[in-house]
Amino acid sequence: MKKLDFSKILSVEEANSRYFAAAHAMQSGVAMKLNFDQHETTAKHLRVGINSALVDGSALAELLIHKGLITDEEYLTAIALGMEREKEEYREQIQEHYPNVRIDLG
């Protein structure tokens, strides 16, 4: 994966413009891939949302690590804790639908 280049910080306007242009292009790429690989891209809008979230989160983490504001270990801890929180939220939602069964997602 290509490293991000932080040598030039963009203005808010340029960053927003480039972000939305790239997001649209990525969305178009997802739509195009539907033409030959429906297995990976069965729900276009869901996939676009997931890709956008992954790019946003990883780019922010890479910037914070690059600036020395957080360490790799702190980042990995944060995402592990966040995923555990997400898992528990899903477990609670499922538990509400099956109150007589003990739900354990692992």
Protein backbone atom coordinates (compact mmCIF):
# COMPACT_ATOMS: atom_id res chain seq x y z
CA MET A 1 0.00 0.00 0.00
CA LYS A 2 1.28 3.45 -0.92
CA LYS A 3 2.42 5.59 2.01
CA LEU A 4 0.66 8.89 2.50
CA ASP A 5 2.75 11.97 1.79
CA PHE A 6 2.41 14.52 4.59
CA SER A 7 5.06 16.88 3.20
CA LYS A 8 2.36 19.27 1.93
CA ILE A 9 -0.66 19.96 4.10
CA LEU A 10 -3.69 20.89 2.01
CA SER A 11 -6.11 23.70 2.75
CA VAL A 12 -9.48 22.63 4.15
CA GLU A 13 -11.12 23.45 0.83
CA GLU A 14 -8.58 21.54 -1.26
CA ALA A 15 -8.63 18.58 1.12
CA ASN A 16 -12.45 18.44 1.04
CA SER A 17 -12.50 18.77 -2.74
CA ARG A 18 -9.93 16.02 -3.21
CA TYR A 19 -11.61 13.78 -0.61
CA PHE A 20 -15.04 13.99 -2.25
CA ALA A 21 -13.56 13.55 -5.73
CA ALA A 22 -11.66 10.46 -4.60
CA ALA A 23 -14.74 9.12 -2.76
CA HIS A 24 -16.81 9.55 -5.92
CA ALA A 25 -14.11 7.85 -7.98
CA MET A 26 -13.94 4.98 -5.50
CA GLN A 27 -17.74 4.70 -5.68
CA SER A 28 -17.49 4.52 -9.46
CA GLY A 29 -14.83 1.85 -9.11
CA VAL A 30 -17.11 -0.19 -6.88
CA ALA A 31 -19.91 0.18 -9.42
CA MET A 32 -17.63 -0.88 -12.26
CA LYS A 33 -16.39 -3.91 -10.35
CA LEU A 34 -20.01 -5.03 -10.08
CA ASN A 35 -19.81 -5.74 -13.81
CA PHE A 36 -17.28 -8.55 -13.36
CA ASP A 37 -17.13 -9.45 -9.66
CA GLN A 38 -20.47 -9.34 -7.93
CA HIS A 39 -19.26 -11.58 -5.11
CA GLU A 40 -17.19 -8.84 -3.45
CA THR A 41 -19.50 -5.93 -4.27
CA THR A 42 -23.04 -7.16 -3.79
CA ALA A 43 -24.17 -4.03 -1.93
CA LYS A 44 -22.53 -1.04 -3.62
CA HIS A 45 -23.51 1.66 -1.18
CA LEU A 46 -22.56 -0.44 1.83
CA ARG A 47 -19.16 -1.15 0.32
CA VAL A 48 -18.57 2.52 -0.49
CA GLY A 49 -19.41 3.44 3.08
CA ILE A 50 -17.09 0.80 4.47
CA ASN A 51 -14.23 1.82 2.17
CA SER A 52 -14.68 5.50 3.06
CA ALA A 53 -14.64 4.74 6.78
CA LEU A 54 -11.53 2.58 6.45
CA VAL A 55 -9.68 5.26 4.49
CA ASP A 56 -10.67 8.03 6.91
CA GLY A 57 -9.65 6.07 9.99
CA SER A 58 -6.39 4.70 8.66
CA ALA A 59 -5.26 8.03 7.19
CA LEU A 60 -5.94 9.81 10.49
CA ALA A 61 -4.07 7.16 12.42
CA GLU A 62 -1.15 7.32 10.00
CA LEU A 63 -0.98 11.11 10.40
CA LEU A 64 -1.09 10.95 14.21
CA ILE A 65 1.63 8.29 14.26
CA HIS A 66 3.72 10.24 11.75
CA LYS A 67 3.52 13.34 13.96
CA GLY A 68 4.47 11.31 17.03
CA LEU A 69 1.20 12.07 18.78
CA ILE A 70 0.34 8.39 19.23
CA THR A 71 2.27 5.14 18.95
CA ASP A 72 1.47 2.05 16.91
CA GLU A 73 0.64 0.29 20.14
CA GLU A 74 -1.77 3.00 21.26
CA TYR A 75 -3.49 2.89 17.89
CA LEU A 76 -3.80 -0.90 17.93
CA THR A 77 -5.12 -0.75 21.48
CA ALA A 78 -7.70 1.84 20.50
CA ILE A 79 -9.00 -0.14 17.53
CA ALA A 80 -9.09 -3.36 19.53
CA LEU A 81 -11.09 -1.65 22.27
CA GLY A 82 -13.34 -0.04 19.67
CA MET A 83 -14.02 -3.34 17.95
CA GLU A 84 -14.78 -4.98 21.27
CA ARG A 85 -17.23 -2.17 21.98
CA GLU A 86 -18.86 -2.67 18.60
CA LYS A 87 -19.11 -6.42 19.20
CA GLU A 88 -20.79 -5.82 22.56
CA GLU A 89 -23.27 -3.39 21.01
CA TYR A 90 -24.27 -6.03 18.46
CA ARG A 91 -24.47 -8.68 21.16
CA GLU A 92 -26.83 -6.46 23.18
CA GLN A 93 -29.02 -5.77 20.13
CA ILE A 94 -29.27 -9.48 19.32
CA GLN A 95 -29.91 -10.32 22.97
CA GLU A 96 -32.93 -8.01 22.92
CA HIS A 97 -34.45 -10.13 20.14
CA TYR A 98 -33.73 -13.42 21.92
CA PRO A 99 -34.26 -12.67 25.63
CA ASN A 100 -34.48 -16.36 26.62
CA VAL A 101 -31.16 -17.34 25.02
CA ARG A 102 -27.72 -16.37 26.29
CA ILE A 103 -25.99 -14.62 23.35
CA ASP A 104 -22.20 -14.87 23.19
CA LEU A 105 -20.47 -13.65 20.03
CA GLY A 106 -17.09 -14.91 21.20
